[in-house]
Amino acid sequence: MKDHLPDAVIAAAAAKGSFLASVTAFFAGVTANTIAAIGGLIVAVLGLVVSWHYKRREDRRREEAHRLVVQRALLSPYEDDAG
């Protein structure tokens, strides 16, 4: 039983050490250029979403205005000729 305890401790330490080494390697590999590229991508996607949202709102407003113009023209077609 005593022989197995040091092996378990060594295996646990090795697992933790390899995890720490992989995390360190990942963050060491991330450079300022990578961070800037990821940041630029996030800003571009956010800009696309905001632009799409406001364009949709503008289209809805134009459709409503057109509907009102058509409705007004159908209700009183001779209003412009009377003046």
C-alpha atoms as a PDB file:
ATOM      1  CA  MET A   1       0.000   0.000   0.000  1.00  0.00           C
ATOM      2  CA  LYS A   2       2.839   2.359   0.811  1.00  0.00           C
ATOM      3  CA  ASP A   3       4.323   1.806  -2.639  1.00  0.00           C
ATOM      4  CA  HIS A   4       1.149   2.996  -4.382  1.00  0.00           C
ATOM      5  CA  LEU A   5       0.839   6.283  -2.489  1.00  0.00           C
ATOM      6  CA  PRO A   6       3.929   7.948  -3.978  1.00  0.00           C
ATOM      7  CA  ASP A   7       2.865   6.821  -7.467  1.00  0.00           C
ATOM      8  CA  ALA A   8      -0.561   8.443  -7.017  1.00  0.00           C
ATOM      9  CA  VAL A   9       1.003  11.654  -5.771  1.00  0.00           C
ATOM     10  CA  ILE A  10       3.428  11.723  -8.674  1.00  0.00           C
ATOM     11  CA  ALA A  11       0.630  11.052 -11.177  1.00  0.00           C
ATOM     12  CA  ALA A  12      -1.516  13.864  -9.726  1.00  0.00           C
ATOM     13  CA  ALA A  13       1.424  16.268  -9.773  1.00  0.00           C
ATOM     14  CA  ALA A  14       2.240  15.300 -13.354  1.00  0.00           C
ATOM     15  CA  ALA A  15      -1.352  15.899 -14.469  1.00  0.00           C
ATOM     16  CA  LYS A  16      -1.446  19.307 -12.821  1.00  0.00           C
ATOM     17  CA  GLY A  17       1.962  20.175 -14.231  1.00  0.00           C
ATOM     18  CA  SER A  18       1.004  19.246 -17.782  1.00  0.00           C
ATOM     19  CA  PHE A  19      -2.214  21.259 -17.526  1.00  0.00           C
ATOM     20  CA  LEU A  20      -0.298  24.280 -16.244  1.00  0.00           C
ATOM     21  CA  ALA A  21       2.260  23.857 -19.041  1.00  0.00           C
ATOM     22  CA  SER A  22      -0.446  23.752 -21.715  1.00  0.00           C
ATOM     23  CA  VAL A  23      -2.170  26.862 -20.329  1.00  0.00           C
ATOM     24  CA  THR A  24       1.162  28.681 -20.184  1.00  0.00           C
ATOM     25  CA  ALA A  25       1.994  27.634 -23.754  1.00  0.00           C
ATOM     26  CA  PHE A  26      -1.372  28.877 -24.979  1.00  0.00           C
ATOM     27  CA  PHE A  27      -1.005  32.310 -23.393  1.00  0.00           C
ATOM     28  CA  ALA A  28       2.629  32.561 -24.414  1.00  0.00           C
ATOM     29  CA  GLY A  29       1.593  31.917 -28.011  1.00  0.00           C
ATOM     30  CA  VAL A  30      -1.009  34.690 -27.975  1.00  0.00           C
ATOM     31  CA  THR A  31       0.743  37.813 -29.201  1.00  0.00           C
ATOM     32  CA  ALA A  32      -0.380  41.419 -29.367  1.00  0.00           C
ATOM     33  CA  ASN A  33      -1.144  40.919 -33.072  1.00  0.00           C
ATOM     34  CA  THR A  34      -3.431  38.020 -32.272  1.00  0.00           C
ATOM     35  CA  ILE A  35      -5.248  40.024 -29.623  1.00  0.00           C
ATOM     36  CA  ALA A  36      -5.616  42.938 -32.032  1.00  0.00           C
ATOM     37  CA  ALA A  37      -6.946  40.646 -34.761  1.00  0.00           C
ATOM     38  CA  ILE A  38      -9.507  39.077 -32.449  1.00  0.00           C
ATOM     39  CA  GLY A  39     -10.518  42.524 -31.157  1.00  0.00           C
ATOM     40  CA  GLY A  40     -10.905  43.816 -34.702  1.00  0.00           C
ATOM     41  CA  LEU A  41     -13.043  40.843 -35.622  1.00  0.00           C
ATOM     42  CA  ILE A  42     -15.303  41.416 -32.625  1.00  0.00           C
ATOM     43  CA  VAL A  43     -15.683  45.110 -33.475  1.00  0.00           C
ATOM     44  CA  ALA A  44     -16.478  44.266 -37.102  1.00  0.00           C
ATOM     45  CA  VAL A  45     -19.165  41.759 -36.129  1.00  0.00           C
ATOM     46  CA  LEU A  46     -20.705  44.181 -33.641  1.00  0.00           C
ATOM     47  CA  GLY A  47     -20.710  46.911 -36.303  1.00  0.00           C
ATOM     48  CA  LEU A  48     -22.440  44.587 -38.737  1.00  0.00           C
ATOM     49  CA  VAL A  49     -25.122  43.697 -36.187  1.00  0.00           C
ATOM     50  CA  VAL A  50     -25.778  47.345 -35.283  1.00  0.00           C
ATOM     51  CA  SER A  51     -25.906  48.372 -38.940  1.00  0.00           C
ATOM     52  CA  TRP A  52     -28.311  45.543 -39.761  1.00  0.00           C
ATOM     53  CA  HIS A  53     -30.558  46.492 -36.826  1.00  0.00           C
ATOM     54  CA  TYR A  54     -30.858  50.158 -37.793  1.00  0.00           C
ATOM     55  CA  LYS A  55     -31.295  49.344 -41.489  1.00  0.00           C
ATOM     56  CA  ARG A  56     -34.202  47.082 -40.559  1.00  0.00           C
ATOM     57  CA  ARG A  57     -35.775  49.875 -38.514  1.00  0.00           C
ATOM     58  CA  GLU A  58     -35.350  52.293 -41.432  1.00  0.00           C
ATOM     59  CA  ASP A  59     -37.020  49.811 -43.810  1.00  0.00           C
ATOM     60  CA  ARG A  60     -39.973  49.454 -41.442  1.00  0.00           C
ATOM     61  CA  ARG A  61     -40.387  53.232 -41.225  1.00  0.00           C
ATOM     62  CA  ARG A  62     -40.294  53.578 -45.010  1.00  0.00           C
ATOM     63  CA  GLU A  63     -42.824  50.789 -45.468  1.00  0.00           C
ATOM     64  CA  GLU A  64     -45.178  52.451 -42.963  1.00  0.00           C
ATOM     65  CA  ALA A  65     -44.794  55.844 -44.659  1.00  0.00           C
ATOM     66  CA  HIS A  66     -45.473  54.289 -48.067  1.00  0.00           C
ATOM     67  CA  ARG A  67     -48.518  52.480 -46.715  1.00  0.00           C
ATOM     68  CA  LEU A  68     -49.883  55.767 -45.346  1.00  0.00           C
ATOM     69  CA  VAL A  69     -49.298  57.568 -48.652  1.00  0.00           C
ATOM     70  CA  VAL A  70     -51.065  54.821 -50.582  1.00  0.00           C
ATOM     71  CA  GLN A  71     -53.913  54.746 -48.082  1.00  0.00           C
ATOM     72  CA  ARG A  72     -54.340  58.526 -48.296  1.00  0.00           C
ATOM     73  CA  ALA A  73     -54.303  58.364 -52.107  1.00  0.00           C
ATOM     74  CA  LEU A  74     -56.964  55.672 -52.144  1.00  0.00           C
ATOM     75  CA  LEU A  75     -59.240  57.494 -49.700  1.00  0.00           C
ATOM     76  CA  SER A  76     -59.136  60.848 -51.445  1.00  0.00           C
ATOM     77  CA  PRO A  77     -57.874  60.426 -55.019  1.00  0.00           C
ATOM     78  CA  TYR A  78     -59.050  63.879 -56.201  1.00  0.00           C
ATOM     79  CA  GLU A  79     -57.624  65.931 -53.332  1.00  0.00           C
ATOM     80  CA  ASP A  80     -54.624  67.150 -55.349  1.00  0.00           C
ATOM     81  CA  ASP A  81     -56.809  68.190 -58.361  1.00  0.00           C
ATOM     82  CA  ALA A  82     -59.168  70.369 -56.265  1.00  0.00           C
ATOM     83  CA  GLY A  83     -56.529  72.892 -55.292  1.00  0.00           C
END
